[in-house]
Protein backbone atom coordinates (compact mmCIF):
# COMPACT_ATOMS: atom_id res chain seq x y z
CA UNK A 1 0.00 0.00 0.00
CA UNK A 2 1.29 3.47 -0.86
CA UNK A 3 0.26 6.92 0.24
CA UNK A 4 0.60 10.20 -1.57
CA UNK A 5 1.00 12.40 1.46
CA UNK A 6 2.13 11.82 5.07
CA UNK A 7 -1.15 13.23 6.36
CA UNK A 8 -3.05 10.54 4.50
CA UNK A 9 -0.94 7.84 6.16
CA UNK A 10 -1.51 9.46 9.54
CA UNK A 11 -5.24 9.49 9.01
CA UNK A 12 -5.26 5.85 7.90
CA UNK A 13 -3.21 4.71 10.91
CA UNK A 14 -5.72 6.35 13.24
CA UNK A 15 -8.60 4.60 11.53
CA UNK A 16 -6.79 1.26 11.58
CA UNK A 17 -5.86 1.64 15.24
CA UNK A 18 -9.45 2.52 16.12
CA UNK A 19 -10.69 -0.52 14.18
CA UNK A 20 -8.28 -2.93 15.87
CA UNK A 21 -8.53 -1.50 19.39
CA UNK A 22 -12.35 -1.53 19.28
CA UNK A 23 -12.23 -5.33 19.27
CA UNK A 24 -12.82 -7.30 22.49
CA UNK A 25 -10.17 -6.99 25.18
CA UNK A 26 -7.82 -9.85 25.94
CA UNK A 27 -9.10 -9.40 29.52
CA UNK A 28 -12.10 -11.56 28.65
CA UNK A 29 -12.67 -14.92 30.29
CA UNK A 30 -14.55 -16.17 27.24
CA UNK A 31 -11.29 -15.84 25.26
CA UNK A 32 -9.27 -18.33 27.34
CA UNK A 33 -8.21 -20.57 24.48
CA UNK A 34 -5.87 -20.44 21.49
CA UNK A 35 -8.48 -21.47 18.91
CA UNK A 36 -8.54 -18.16 17.06
CA UNK A 37 -4.75 -17.85 16.98
CA UNK A 38 -4.24 -21.42 15.83
CA UNK A 39 -6.82 -20.96 13.08
CA UNK A 40 -5.32 -17.74 11.71
CA UNK A 41 -1.83 -19.26 11.72
CA UNK A 42 -3.23 -22.23 9.78
CA UNK A 43 -4.72 -19.81 7.25
CA UNK A 44 -1.45 -17.85 7.00
CA UNK A 45 0.62 -21.00 6.43
CA UNK A 46 2.31 -21.05 9.85
CA UNK A 47 4.70 -18.12 9.49
CA UNK A 48 5.77 -18.60 13.13
CA UNK A 49 7.84 -21.63 12.11
CA UNK A 50 10.31 -19.50 10.15
CA UNK A 51 12.20 -17.89 13.07
CA UNK A 52 13.60 -18.65 16.51
CA UNK A 53 11.78 -17.30 19.57
CA UNK A 54 12.64 -15.76 22.92
CA UNK A 55 9.36 -15.73 24.87
CA UNK A 56 9.10 -13.67 28.06
CA UNK A 57 6.62 -13.68 30.93
CA UNK A 58 6.66 -12.61 34.59
CA UNK A 59 4.85 -10.08 36.72
CA UNK A 60 7.36 -7.32 36.04
CA UNK A 61 10.36 -6.67 33.83
CA UNK A 62 9.07 -8.30 30.63
CA UNK A 63 9.46 -5.23 28.43
CA UNK A 64 12.91 -4.36 29.75
CA UNK A 65 14.16 -7.93 29.38
CA UNK A 66 12.74 -8.13 25.87
CA UNK A 67 14.49 -4.97 24.73
CA UNK A 68 17.78 -6.08 26.26
CA UNK A 69 17.65 -9.50 24.60
CA UNK A 70 16.74 -7.91 21.28
CA UNK A 71 19.66 -5.48 21.52
CA UNK A 72 22.17 -8.27 22.19
CA UNK A 73 20.90 -10.40 19.30
CA UNK A 74 20.95 -7.40 16.95
CA UNK A 75 24.48 -6.46 18.04
CA UNK A 76 25.54 -9.88 16.78
CA UNK A 77 24.07 -9.23 13.36
CA UNK A 78 20.88 -11.24 13.75
CA UNK A 79 17.73 -9.81 12.19
CA UNK A 80 15.32 -9.24 15.06
CA UNK A 81 11.61 -8.86 15.62
CA UNK A 82 10.35 -7.36 18.88
CA UNK A 83 6.77 -7.58 20.15
CA UNK A 84 5.92 -5.79 23.40
CA UNK A 85 2.91 -4.36 25.19
CA UNK A 86 1.31 -2.12 26.17
CA UNK A 87 2.20 0.84 23.97
CA UNK A 88 2.75 4.22 25.59
CA UNK A 89 1.71 6.62 22.82
CA UNK A 90 1.17 4.84 19.47
CA UNK A 91 0.13 1.29 18.71
CA UNK A 92 3.07 1.00 16.25
CA UNK A 93 5.41 0.79 19.26
CA UNK A 94 4.37 -2.81 19.87
CA UNK A 95 6.03 -4.20 16.73
CA UNK A 96 9.65 -3.49 15.78
CA UNK A 97 12.04 -5.00 13.25
CA UNK A 98 15.80 -4.55 13.60
CA UNK A 99 15.24 -2.12 16.47
CA UNK A 100 12.87 0.17 14.54
CA UNK A 101 9.16 0.25 15.31
CA UNK A 102 6.87 -0.08 12.31
CA UNK A 103 6.13 3.25 10.67
CA UNK A 104 2.54 4.17 9.90
CA UNK A 105 2.64 2.85 6.35
CA UNK A 106 4.11 -0.51 7.39
CA UNK A 107 1.60 -0.91 10.20
CA UNK A 108 -1.33 -0.19 7.91
CA UNK A 109 0.14 -2.54 5.31
CA UNK A 110 0.42 -5.35 7.88
CA UNK A 111 -3.25 -4.89 8.77
CA UNK A 112 -4.28 -4.88 5.11
CA UNK A 113 -2.38 -8.13 4.51
CA UNK A 114 -4.06 -10.10 7.31
CA UNK A 115 -7.48 -8.40 7.47
CA UNK A 116 -9.21 -10.89 5.18
CA UNK A 117 -7.86 -13.77 7.26
CA UNK A 118 -9.12 -12.08 10.42
CA UNK A 119 -12.55 -11.82 8.81
CA UNK A 120 -12.46 -15.55 8.03
CA UNK A 121 -11.59 -16.39 11.62
CA UNK A 122 -14.33 -14.08 12.94
CA UNK A 123 -16.88 -15.70 10.63
CA UNK A 124 -15.87 -19.21 11.76
CA UNK A 125 -16.08 -18.19 15.42
CA UNK A 126 -19.48 -16.62 14.86
CA UNK A 127 -20.76 -19.88 13.32
CA UNK A 128 -19.53 -21.80 16.35
CA UNK A 129 -20.91 -19.29 18.84
CA UNK A 130 -17.49 -18.18 20.01
CA UNK A 131 -16.06 -14.65 20.35
CA UNK A 132 -14.23 -13.04 17.45
CA UNK A 133 -10.53 -12.22 17.59
CA UNK A 134 -9.51 -9.82 20.35
CA UNK A 135 -7.42 -6.74 19.61
CA UNK A 136 -4.38 -8.43 21.19
CA UNK A 137 -4.82 -11.52 19.05
CA UNK A 138 -5.00 -9.37 15.92
CA UNK A 139 -1.85 -7.45 16.88
CA UNK A 140 -0.05 -10.71 17.68
CA UNK A 141 -0.97 -12.15 14.28
CA UNK A 142 0.24 -8.95 12.60
CA UNK A 143 3.57 -9.16 14.43
CA UNK A 144 4.12 -12.80 13.50
CA UNK A 145 3.26 -12.07 9.86
CA UNK A 146 5.64 -9.09 9.69
CA UNK A 147 8.46 -11.05 11.35
CA UNK A 148 8.15 -13.87 8.82
CA UNK A 149 7.88 -11.43 5.94
CA UNK A 150 11.03 -9.49 6.95
CA UNK A 151 12.32 -12.22 7.49
CA UNK A 152 13.81 -12.11 11.00
CA UNK A 153 16.20 -14.63 12.51
CA UNK A 154 14.76 -14.36 16.02
CA UNK A 155 11.58 -12.89 17.48
CA UNK A 156 11.63 -11.57 21.04
CA UNK A 157 8.05 -11.70 22.27
CA UNK A 158 6.52 -10.43 25.51
CA UNK A 159 3.34 -12.11 26.68
CA UNK A 160 0.29 -9.91 27.09
CA UNK A 161 -1.21 -11.61 30.14
CA UNK A 162 -0.07 -14.70 32.00
CA UNK A 163 1.26 -17.23 29.53
CA UNK A 164 -0.71 -20.46 29.18
CA UNK A 165 -3.69 -18.95 27.34
CA UNK A 166 -2.00 -15.81 26.10
CA UNK A 167 -2.25 -15.22 22.34
CA UNK A 168 1.54 -15.31 22.04
CA UNK A 169 1.64 -18.88 23.36
CA UNK A 170 1.08 -20.27 19.87
CA UNK A 171 4.84 -19.74 19.63
CA UNK A 172 7.22 -22.48 20.73
CA UNK A 173 10.07 -20.76 22.52
CA UNK A 174 13.72 -21.62 22.12
CA UNK A 175 14.29 -19.58 25.30
CA UNK A 176 11.38 -19.21 27.72
CA UNK A 177 12.11 -16.47 30.27
CA UNK A 178 10.02 -16.35 33.44
CA UNK A 179 10.75 -13.23 35.46
CA UNK A 180 9.60 -12.59 39.03
CA UNK A 181 6.15 -14.04 39.70
CA UNK A 182 4.03 -11.99 42.08
CA UNK A 183 0.43 -11.00 42.68
CA UNK A 184 -1.09 -9.10 39.75
CA UNK A 185 -4.03 -9.52 37.34
CA UNK A 186 -5.66 -11.80 39.93
CA UNK A 187 -9.07 -11.47 38.29
CA UNK A 188 -7.75 -13.37 35.26
CA UNK A 189 -4.77 -15.38 36.50
CA UNK A 190 -5.89 -16.56 39.94
CA UNK A 191 -5.79 -15.24 43.48
CA UNK A 192 -2.76 -17.21 44.69
CA UNK A 193 0.84 -16.98 43.59
CA UNK A 194 0.77 -20.72 42.82
CA UNK A 195 -2.09 -20.26 40.35
CA UNK A 196 -0.33 -17.33 38.72
CA UNK A 197 2.92 -19.30 38.45
CA UNK A 198 1.05 -22.17 36.78
CA UNK A 199 -0.27 -19.78 34.13
CA UNK A 200 3.16 -18.30 33.48
CA UNK A 201 4.86 -21.71 33.37
CA UNK A 202 2.71 -22.46 30.31
CA UNK A 203 5.30 -20.89 27.99
CA UNK A 204 7.83 -23.66 28.77
CA UNK A 205 7.60 -26.09 25.85
CA UNK A 206 9.51 -29.16 24.65
CA UNK A 207 12.69 -27.83 23.05
CA UNK A 208 12.79 -24.74 25.27
CA UNK A 209 15.48 -23.65 27.65
CA UNK A 210 13.72 -22.27 30.75
CA UNK A 211 15.43 -19.15 32.08
CA UNK A 212 14.14 -18.32 35.54
CA UNK A 213 14.56 -14.90 37.13
CA UNK A 214 14.69 -14.19 40.88
CA UNK A 215 11.48 -15.28 42.59
CA UNK A 216 10.11 -13.27 45.54
CA UNK A 217 7.92 -16.28 46.43
CA UNK A 218 10.48 -18.94 45.67
CA UNK A 219 9.16 -21.65 47.99
CA UNK A 220 5.75 -21.53 46.34
CA UNK A 221 6.78 -20.76 42.76
CA UNK A 222 9.97 -22.71 42.06
CA UNK A 223 8.47 -26.22 42.48
CA UNK A 224 5.78 -25.32 39.91
CA UNK A 225 8.34 -24.02 37.41
CA UNK A 226 10.63 -27.00 37.97
CA UNK A 227 7.80 -29.47 37.36
CA UNK A 228 6.80 -27.64 34.15
CA UNK A 229 10.41 -27.71 32.92
CA UNK A 230 10.80 -31.39 33.77
CA UNK A 231 7.56 -32.26 31.97
CA UNK A 232 8.80 -30.44 28.85
CA UNK A 233 12.32 -31.87 29.28
CA UNK A 234 13.53 -28.27 29.20
CA UNK A 235 16.89 -27.47 30.80
CA UNK A 236 16.71 -24.72 33.44
CA UNK A 237 18.97 -21.71 33.94
CA UNK A 238 18.09 -20.24 37.34
CA UNK A 239 19.08 -16.83 38.67
CA UNK A 240 21.36 -17.41 41.64
CA UNK A 241 22.36 -20.91 40.51
CA UNK A 242 23.28 -21.52 36.86
CA UNK A 243 23.52 -17.75 36.34
CA UNK A 244 24.17 -14.89 38.77
CA UNK A 245 25.01 -11.23 39.27
CA UNK A 246 28.56 -11.42 40.58
CA UNK A 247 28.82 -7.72 41.39
CA UNK A 248 27.28 -4.39 40.46
CA UNK A 249 27.76 -0.69 41.14
CA UNK A 250 25.91 2.48 40.11
CA UNK A 251 27.33 4.41 37.17
CA UNK A 252 26.39 7.51 35.21
CA UNK A 253 23.14 6.79 33.39
CA UNK A 254 22.79 3.30 34.84
CA UNK A 255 25.15 0.73 36.35
CA UNK A 256 28.07 -1.61 35.78
CA UNK A 257 27.55 -5.30 36.51
CA UNK A 258 29.59 -8.46 36.27
CA UNK A 259 27.32 -11.24 35.04
CA UNK A 260 27.90 -15.00 35.04
CA UNK A 261 25.95 -17.29 32.70
CA UNK A 262 26.44 -20.98 31.84
CA UNK A 263 28.71 -19.87 28.98
CA UNK A 264 31.07 -17.68 31.01
CA UNK A 265 31.56 -14.45 32.94
CA UNK A 266 31.10 -10.94 31.56
CA UNK A 267 33.08 -8.31 33.48
CA UNK A 268 31.81 -4.78 34.16
CA UNK A 269 28.99 -4.76 31.63
CA UNK A 270 27.39 -1.29 31.27
CA UNK A 271 23.60 -1.40 31.68
CA UNK A 272 21.78 1.79 30.72
CA UNK A 273 19.08 1.41 33.38
CA UNK A 274 18.96 1.94 37.12
CA UNK A 275 18.25 -0.64 39.81
CA UNK A 276 19.07 -4.17 40.89
CA UNK A 277 15.98 -5.45 39.08
CA UNK A 278 17.39 -4.20 35.76
CA UNK A 279 20.64 -6.08 36.39
CA UNK A 280 18.57 -9.25 36.86
CA UNK A 281 16.68 -8.45 33.65
CA UNK A 282 19.98 -8.02 31.80
CA UNK A 283 21.22 -11.34 33.15
CA UNK A 284 18.12 -13.19 31.89
CA UNK A 285 18.33 -11.42 28.52
CA UNK A 286 21.98 -12.40 28.15
CA UNK A 287 21.29 -16.06 28.97
CA UNK A 288 18.43 -16.09 26.46
CA UNK A 289 20.57 -14.50 23.76
CA UNK A 290 23.23 -17.15 24.33
CA UNK A 291 20.55 -19.79 23.80
CA UNK A 292 19.49 -18.57 20.35
CA UNK A 293 22.87 -17.37 19.11
CA UNK A 294 24.71 -19.42 16.49
CA UNK A 295 27.83 -19.02 18.68
CA UNK A 296 29.55 -21.54 20.94
CA UNK A 297 30.89 -20.34 24.27
CA UNK A 298 31.00 -16.89 25.78
CA UNK A 299 29.82 -13.98 23.63
CA UNK A 300 31.95 -10.97 22.77
CA UNK A 301 31.91 -8.82 25.91
CA UNK A 302 32.34 -5.58 23.97
CA UNK A 303 29.29 -6.32 21.82
CA UNK A 304 27.24 -7.27 24.88
CA UNK A 305 28.28 -4.07 26.65
CA UNK A 306 27.51 -1.97 23.58
CA UNK A 307 24.06 -3.53 23.34
CA UNK A 308 23.07 -3.27 27.01
CA UNK A 309 24.66 0.15 27.36
CA UNK A 310 22.52 1.50 24.53
CA UNK A 311 19.09 0.11 25.48
CA UNK A 312 16.41 2.71 26.02
CA UNK A 313 13.16 1.60 27.67
CA UNK A 314 10.33 4.15 27.50
CA UNK A 315 8.19 4.45 30.59
CA UNK A 316 10.45 2.43 32.90
CA UNK A 317 12.13 4.79 35.38
CA UNK A 318 12.59 7.10 32.43
CA UNK A 319 13.95 10.58 33.13
CA UNK A 320 12.47 12.85 30.49
CA UNK A 321 13.29 16.31 31.86
CA UNK A 322 15.70 18.14 34.12
CA UNK A 323 15.24 21.26 36.27
CA UNK A 324 13.11 19.94 37.79
CA UNK A 325 13.86 16.29 37.21
CA UNK A 326 10.76 14.54 35.85
CA UNK A 327 10.70 10.74 35.88
CA UNK A 328 8.08 8.44 34.35
CA UNK A 329 7.39 4.89 35.47
CA UNK A 330 4.59 2.63 34.25
CA UNK A 331 4.84 -0.04 36.95
CA UNK A 332 1.53 -0.66 38.68
CA UNK A 333 1.96 -3.36 41.33
CA UNK A 334 3.78 -3.85 44.61
CA UNK A 335 6.82 -5.53 43.09
CA UNK A 336 7.18 -2.67 40.60
CA UNK A 337 6.87 -0.10 43.40
CA UNK A 338 9.59 -1.87 45.40
CA UNK A 339 11.95 -1.84 42.42
CA UNK A 340 11.15 1.80 41.67
CA UNK A 341 11.80 2.90 45.24
CA UNK A 342 15.07 0.97 45.43
CA UNK A 343 16.33 2.43 42.15
CA UNK A 344 15.46 6.01 43.11
CA UNK A 345 17.05 5.67 46.55
CA UNK A 346 20.22 4.19 45.05
CA UNK A 347 20.67 6.64 42.17
CA UNK A 348 19.03 9.97 43.10
CA UNK A 349 19.56 12.25 46.06
CA UNK A 350 16.14 13.90 46.16
CA UNK A 351 15.45 16.25 49.03
CA UNK A 352 11.96 16.74 47.61
CA UNK A 353 10.09 14.35 45.32
CA UNK A 354 6.46 15.00 44.40
CA UNK A 355 4.45 12.09 43.04
CA UNK A 356 1.79 12.44 40.35
CA UNK A 357 -0.21 9.22 40.54
CA UNK A 358 -3.07 7.71 38.58
CA UNK A 359 -3.84 4.00 38.83
CA UNK A 360 -6.34 1.46 37.56
CA UNK A 361 -9.09 0.54 39.98
CA UNK A 362 -8.28 -3.21 39.84
CA UNK A 363 -4.77 -2.74 41.28
CA UNK A 364 -3.36 -3.06 44.81
CA UNK A 365 -3.50 0.68 45.23
CA UNK A 366 -2.96 0.98 48.97
CA UNK A 367 0.02 -1.40 48.93
CA UNK A 368 1.57 0.40 45.94
CA UNK A 369 1.24 3.82 47.59
CA UNK A 370 2.52 2.46 50.89
CA UNK A 371 5.75 1.33 49.27
CA UNK A 372 6.38 4.79 47.77
CA UNK A 373 5.26 6.81 50.81
CA UNK A 374 8.74 7.10 52.42
CA UNK A 375 10.28 8.67 49.30
CA UNK A 376 7.49 11.08 48.31
CA UNK A 377 7.27 14.49 49.96
CA UNK A 378 3.78 15.09 48.57
CA UNK A 379 1.43 13.29 46.21
CA UNK A 380 -0.90 14.69 43.57
CA UNK A 381 -3.64 12.19 42.67
CA UNK A 382 -5.26 12.43 39.26
CA UNK A 383 -6.79 10.41 36.40
CA UNK A 384 -5.35 9.07 33.15
CA UNK A 385 -7.17 8.66 29.85
CA UNK A 386 -8.46 5.08 30.25
CA UNK A 387 -11.87 6.06 31.61
CA UNK A 388 -13.24 2.51 31.73
CA UNK A 389 -10.56 1.23 34.11
CA UNK A 390 -8.99 4.22 35.84
CA UNK A 391 -9.66 4.74 39.53
CA UNK A 392 -11.61 8.00 39.98
CA UNK A 393 -9.40 10.66 41.51
CA UNK A 394 -11.79 11.08 44.41
CA UNK A 395 -11.42 7.40 45.37
CA UNK A 396 -7.65 7.51 44.93
CA UNK A 397 -7.54 10.64 47.09
CA UNK A 398 -9.26 8.84 49.97
CA UNK A 399 -6.78 5.95 49.86
CA UNK A 400 -3.81 8.33 49.53
CA UNK A 401 -4.92 10.31 52.58
CA UNK A 402 -4.96 7.11 54.64
CA UNK A 403 -1.41 6.32 53.50
CA UNK A 404 0.19 9.80 53.44
CA UNK A 405 -2.02 11.85 55.74
CA UNK A 406 -4.32 14.64 54.46
CA UNK A 407 -1.65 17.35 54.51
CA UNK A 408 0.53 15.60 51.90
CA UNK A 409 -2.24 14.84 49.39
CA UNK A 410 -3.59 17.10 46.63
CA UNK A 411 -6.26 16.09 44.14
CA UNK A 412 -6.18 17.51 40.61
CA UNK A 413 -8.52 15.60 38.31
CA UNK A 414 -6.91 16.47 34.94
CA UNK A 415 -3.45 14.99 34.38
CA UNK A 416 -1.89 18.04 32.64
CA UNK A 417 -3.00 20.26 35.53
CA UNK A 418 -1.73 17.68 38.03
CA UNK A 419 1.73 17.70 36.43
CA UNK A 420 1.75 21.50 36.50
CA UNK A 421 0.70 21.49 40.16
CA UNK A 422 3.56 19.12 41.03
CA UNK A 423 6.09 21.28 39.19
CA UNK A 424 4.78 24.34 41.03
CA UNK A 425 5.27 22.56 44.36
CA UNK A 426 8.84 21.72 43.44
CA UNK A 427 9.53 25.26 42.22
CA UNK A 428 8.18 26.74 45.44
CA UNK A 429 10.82 24.89 47.48
CA UNK A 430 13.67 25.33 44.99
CA UNK A 431 15.05 28.65 46.19
CA UNK A 432 18.13 28.57 43.98
CA UNK A 433 16.19 27.69 40.82
CA UNK A 434 18.62 24.97 39.77
CA UNK A 435 16.34 21.97 40.16
CA UNK A 436 18.99 19.82 41.86
CA UNK A 437 17.50 17.55 44.52
CA UNK A 438 13.94 18.42 43.48
CA UNK A 439 11.89 16.13 41.29
CA UNK A 440 8.52 14.94 40.03
CA UNK A 441 7.67 11.25 39.70
CA UNK A 442 4.73 10.42 37.41
CA UNK A 443 3.67 6.83 37.97
CA UNK A 444 1.02 4.20 38.70
CA UNK A 445 0.18 2.88 35.24
CA UNK A 446 1.61 2.57 31.75
CA UNK A 447 -1.38 4.58 30.55
CA UNK A 448 -0.43 7.34 32.99
CA UNK A 449 3.19 7.23 31.83
CA UNK A 450 2.16 7.25 28.18
CA UNK A 451 -0.28 10.12 28.63
CA UNK A 452 2.33 12.16 30.47
CA UNK A 453 5.00 11.39 27.90
CA UNK A 454 2.83 12.68 25.08
CA UNK A 455 1.73 15.72 27.08
CA UNK A 456 5.24 16.72 28.03
CA UNK A 457 6.31 16.43 24.42
CA UNK A 458 3.44 18.41 22.93
CA UNK A 459 0.43 19.37 24.95
CA UNK A 460 1.02 20.63 28.48
CA UNK A 461 1.71 24.20 29.49
CA UNK A 462 4.82 25.31 27.55
CA UNK A 463 6.24 26.48 30.87
CA UNK A 464 6.99 22.85 31.71
CA UNK A 465 9.51 22.77 28.87
CA UNK A 466 11.59 25.50 30.53
CA UNK A 467 14.05 25.37 33.36
CA UNK A 468 13.09 26.95 36.67
CA UNK A 469 15.29 29.95 35.89
CA UNK A 470 13.62 30.41 32.51
CA UNK A 471 10.16 30.22 34.06
CA UNK A 472 11.09 32.85 36.63
CA UNK A 473 12.67 35.08 33.99
CA UNK A 474 9.79 34.60 31.56
CA UNK A 475 12.08 33.32 28.80
CA UNK A 476 10.12 32.25 25.75
CA UNK A 477 12.77 31.08 23.28
CA UNK A 478 12.24 27.47 22.25
CA UNK A 479 15.87 27.31 21.27
CA UNK A 480 16.93 27.87 24.87
CA UNK A 481 15.11 24.73 26.02
CA UNK A 482 15.80 22.39 23.10
CA UNK A 483 18.54 20.52 24.87
CA UNK A 484 16.57 19.61 27.99
CA UNK A 485 16.18 15.96 28.86
C-alpha cells in the first residue's frame, strides 16, 4: 500500500488503530483458548515456524528484558523482531524490526495483509458461537506475519497476560524467560501466587530452555516451574544458581555489573538502566541471547556491553526532563513499586520528590502507595485517559490520605494540571532555581506514563519545557530549552 501524502498515512493509521482496538479486550474470560490464533496461523501457512523465539513472561520486567535481549541479538548481526505491550503513545510501538518500530505505512500494510484472514476467523467463530478475535490476538498475528515477511532470525516476544492462554503462546520458545512471579491480574490469573505461576509456566515447551529470574515467592513458585520444565524436558537456567550477578555498582546513566551465565563471565557490563531489578533483567536477557545465538561459548563482551549500554526503555524509570527532574514509570503493582523505590534511593539524592499518581481501579493501590510513601514528599492524585478502568481521583484521594495523611495529598482531576501542580510545588521549594535535589515522579500505570510522555512532548503548558530559571525570567525562546532531557 502506498500513500501520496504523510497526512493521508496518519489518518489511515488512526482509523486502523481505532478498528483494531475496538475489538474485544484480551481481559475476557470467554477468550481463554488459542483457537482463534491457531486458526489464523493455519490460514497464513504457519509463518511462526520461520524464526527462533525468545518468549518472556513474569509479573514485572518483561518489556525491559525483551528490549535487552533484542539489543544483544541485533548487536551480533541477527535480524530481530520485537513484540511488546502495552504501547505508551502509538500502537506501532508494539512491533519493531531490527530495532525500529513499524512506521505508519508498514503498520497499515500489515493490517491490510491479514485483514481478510481475520474476517475468516471471525466468521468461523461466529458460526460456532465463540467470540471473534480480540485486539491483542490481531496485533499478535500482525507481528508474527511481519516477522516472517522481513524475514527475522529471532523474534523476542513479551506475553500480554499470564502465559498459558496468552495469544503469544502459539509460539514455541527456544528460550522461555520467566521473570519474578508476584500477585497481579488476579481477576484473570488466579488469586494465589501458585495459580499465577502455573499460568506463566505455560510458555515452557519441549525444546525450550527455561530461564528463571529471581522469585520473591520462591518456595511456592519454584516447584511449579521445575515441574513444568521437567515435563517439557527443558533445561533450566536459574538466577542465583546456573547464572548470577557477581557484582554491580551504580554508574552515570545506569550501572556496571559483572554477570555470570552458563557460557562464562562478563566483566563490568554497562547497563543503561537503574536498579538491581534491571541487572537481573539483563542477566536473563543475556542467557536467552546465548541460547538462540549461532555461537559456541561466551559472547563478545564488547558487543554485549555496547548492546546493554545502549538500550532505552520508555516508561520504565525514564527521566524525560531536568530542572526539575521529571521521571516516568509505568509499573503498577507492589513488586514494581519496590523496584522503583530501590532504584530512586540508590541513584538519586532527592530532598523533595512529588508524586503524580493515577492507577487502575483493579490494582493493589494501597500497597503500591505504601511502598512509595517514604520517598514522596507530597502526592498529587489524578486520572489518566483510560476512563473505563482508571480509579476515579476522588477514590484515589481517599486511599492516599490514609497512606500519606491529608496534609501531603492534593487532588487535581486532569493529568496536565496535576503535572503543573507538582512542578509548582517543586519550584516553590527550589530557592536557587537549579532543580537539583527536586523532582517529580509520574507513575502508577503505563497509561499514565504514556499520557504524560505525550503531554510533556506536545500538549502541556509550555512552561513545563523550561528550566526553573527560565520560568522565573519569563524566557520564551524554544531554542533555549531544546537541549533539555
